[in-house]
């Protein structure tokens, strides 16, 4: 059986959609001394649409061999070999660790919302990997059952 958790990145979706709406309103009303051009609207809208596609969700899946973390439509991803895990802990991220893919003290953080996470200490490395999750106890139990 395969464990899959999807978390929606509301902290990316809401601001990006808000900015897209504002861009459209500014273009339609042509406000200011130097109003936004059609090409400017297309370029800026494309940037925010790409950000939305890349980071609208985080998907964590666990099977018998690997832990897979992917963002958005799946272009950004990380695969972790379960047999290389030495230790798993339930942790709570500090608020200033932020969201997304981050370098943190002693390792990497993969998170899209909230502060709950699991921390993986790998056998072949001194660094750690933190995976943000809505249910850290369930994710820890699932990984431990595969080890």
Protein backbone atom coordinates (compact mmCIF):
# COMPACT_ATOMS: atom_id res chain seq x y z
CA UNK A 1 0.00 0.00 0.00
CA UNK A 2 1.20 3.48 -0.84
CA UNK A 3 0.83 6.53 1.41
CA UNK A 4 0.07 9.83 -0.35
CA UNK A 5 -0.45 13.25 1.21
CA UNK A 6 -1.31 16.37 -0.76
CA UNK A 7 -1.07 19.79 0.81
CA UNK A 8 -2.44 22.85 -0.94
CA UNK A 9 -0.15 25.89 -0.96
CA UNK A 10 -2.67 28.61 -0.10
CA UNK A 11 0.18 30.97 0.82
CA UNK A 12 1.22 30.84 -2.86
CA UNK A 13 -2.20 30.59 -4.51
CA UNK A 14 -3.98 33.50 -2.81
CA UNK A 15 -1.28 36.18 -3.32
CA UNK A 16 -0.55 35.06 -6.90
CA UNK A 17 -4.23 35.14 -7.87
CA UNK A 18 -4.62 38.51 -6.16
CA UNK A 19 -1.72 39.95 -8.12
CA UNK A 20 -3.06 38.48 -11.38
CA UNK A 21 -6.43 40.14 -10.75
CA UNK A 22 -4.75 43.47 -9.93
CA UNK A 23 -2.67 43.29 -13.11
CA UNK A 24 -5.80 42.74 -15.16
CA UNK A 25 -7.63 45.61 -13.43
CA UNK A 26 -4.67 47.96 -13.97
CA UNK A 27 -4.48 46.97 -17.63
CA UNK A 28 -8.22 47.36 -18.26
CA UNK A 29 -8.42 50.76 -16.53
CA UNK A 30 -5.07 52.11 -17.81
CA UNK A 31 -4.38 53.96 -14.54
CA UNK A 32 -1.39 56.21 -13.93
CA UNK A 33 1.00 58.25 -16.05
CA UNK A 34 2.64 55.14 -17.54
CA UNK A 35 -0.10 52.47 -17.73
CA UNK A 36 0.69 48.80 -18.17
CA UNK A 37 1.02 47.64 -21.77
CA UNK A 38 -0.42 44.46 -23.23
CA UNK A 39 3.05 42.89 -23.48
CA UNK A 40 3.78 43.91 -19.88
CA UNK A 41 0.53 42.28 -18.79
CA UNK A 42 1.45 39.07 -20.63
CA UNK A 43 4.99 38.91 -19.25
CA UNK A 44 4.04 39.61 -15.62
CA UNK A 45 1.00 37.33 -15.76
CA UNK A 46 3.12 34.53 -17.21
CA UNK A 47 5.60 34.81 -14.34
CA UNK A 48 2.85 34.46 -11.73
CA UNK A 49 1.11 31.64 -13.61
CA UNK A 50 4.41 29.72 -13.78
CA UNK A 51 4.90 30.24 -10.03
CA UNK A 52 1.38 28.93 -9.43
CA UNK A 53 1.98 25.85 -11.55
CA UNK A 54 5.28 25.10 -9.82
CA UNK A 55 4.15 25.60 -6.20
CA UNK A 56 0.35 25.24 -5.84
CA UNK A 57 0.71 21.97 -3.92
CA UNK A 58 3.20 19.65 -2.24
CA UNK A 59 2.73 15.92 -2.67
CA UNK A 60 4.47 13.45 -0.36
CA UNK A 61 4.27 9.76 -1.17
CA UNK A 62 5.79 6.76 0.56
CA UNK A 63 6.13 3.29 -0.93
CA UNK A 64 8.29 0.30 0.05
CA UNK A 65 11.47 1.79 -1.42
CA UNK A 66 11.28 5.59 -1.60
CA UNK A 67 9.84 8.77 -0.18
CA UNK A 68 8.93 11.14 -3.00
CA UNK A 69 8.27 14.85 -2.52
CA UNK A 70 7.04 16.89 -5.46
CA UNK A 71 5.77 20.43 -5.85
CA UNK A 72 3.07 21.73 -8.18
CA UNK A 73 2.83 19.87 -11.48
CA UNK A 74 5.83 17.72 -10.56
CA UNK A 75 8.79 19.49 -12.18
CA UNK A 76 10.39 20.13 -8.78
CA UNK A 77 10.91 16.91 -6.84
CA UNK A 78 13.06 15.06 -4.32
CA UNK A 79 13.42 11.31 -3.86
CA UNK A 80 14.72 9.75 -0.63
CA UNK A 81 15.74 6.11 -0.31
CA UNK A 82 13.96 4.63 2.73
CA UNK A 83 16.79 2.18 3.41
CA UNK A 84 19.20 5.09 3.98
CA UNK A 85 17.17 6.50 6.88
CA UNK A 86 18.88 6.14 10.23
CA UNK A 87 16.39 7.99 12.46
CA UNK A 88 12.96 9.66 12.22
CA UNK A 89 11.71 12.33 14.60
CA UNK A 90 8.55 14.40 14.86
CA UNK A 91 9.55 18.07 14.95
CA UNK A 92 7.99 21.50 14.81
CA UNK A 93 9.61 24.01 12.49
CA UNK A 94 10.44 27.48 13.66
CA UNK A 95 8.25 30.10 12.00
CA UNK A 96 11.23 31.81 10.40
CA UNK A 97 12.23 28.61 8.52
CA UNK A 98 9.55 29.66 6.05
CA UNK A 99 7.90 27.75 3.25
CA UNK A 100 9.17 26.07 0.12
CA UNK A 101 12.52 24.39 -0.32
CA UNK A 102 14.98 25.84 2.17
CA UNK A 103 18.45 25.30 3.49
CA UNK A 104 18.18 25.16 7.26
CA UNK A 105 20.67 24.45 10.02
CA UNK A 106 22.16 21.00 9.31
CA UNK A 107 20.09 20.25 6.23
CA UNK A 108 17.07 20.87 4.01
CA UNK A 109 13.42 21.71 4.57
CA UNK A 110 10.58 20.83 2.18
CA UNK A 111 7.41 22.56 3.31
CA UNK A 112 4.36 24.28 1.87
CA UNK A 113 2.23 25.11 4.91
CA UNK A 114 2.24 24.95 8.67
CA UNK A 115 4.97 24.13 11.16
CA UNK A 116 4.54 20.36 11.65
CA UNK A 117 7.22 18.17 10.11
CA UNK A 118 9.23 15.00 10.38
CA UNK A 119 13.01 15.04 10.47
CA UNK A 120 15.03 12.33 8.76
CA UNK A 121 18.64 11.62 9.70
CA UNK A 122 20.34 9.73 6.91
CA UNK A 123 22.92 6.94 7.36
CA UNK A 124 25.29 8.24 4.69
CA UNK A 125 25.19 11.94 5.53
CA UNK A 126 25.54 14.37 8.41
CA UNK A 127 22.71 16.52 7.08
CA UNK A 128 19.02 16.14 7.87
CA UNK A 129 15.89 16.38 5.75
CA UNK A 130 12.70 17.91 7.14
CA UNK A 131 9.40 17.22 5.41
CA UNK A 132 6.46 19.44 6.27
CA UNK A 133 3.21 17.57 6.77
CA UNK A 134 -0.30 18.08 8.09
CA UNK A 135 -0.11 14.80 10.08
CA UNK A 136 3.45 14.15 11.22
CA UNK A 137 2.54 11.16 13.41
CA UNK A 138 0.88 9.34 10.52
CA UNK A 139 3.76 10.07 8.13
CA UNK A 140 6.33 8.91 10.70
CA UNK A 141 4.40 5.71 11.34
CA UNK A 142 4.11 5.03 7.60
CA UNK A 143 7.85 5.46 7.01
CA UNK A 144 8.76 3.35 10.04
CA UNK A 145 6.56 0.54 8.76
CA UNK A 146 8.58 0.49 5.51
CA UNK A 147 12.03 0.44 7.10
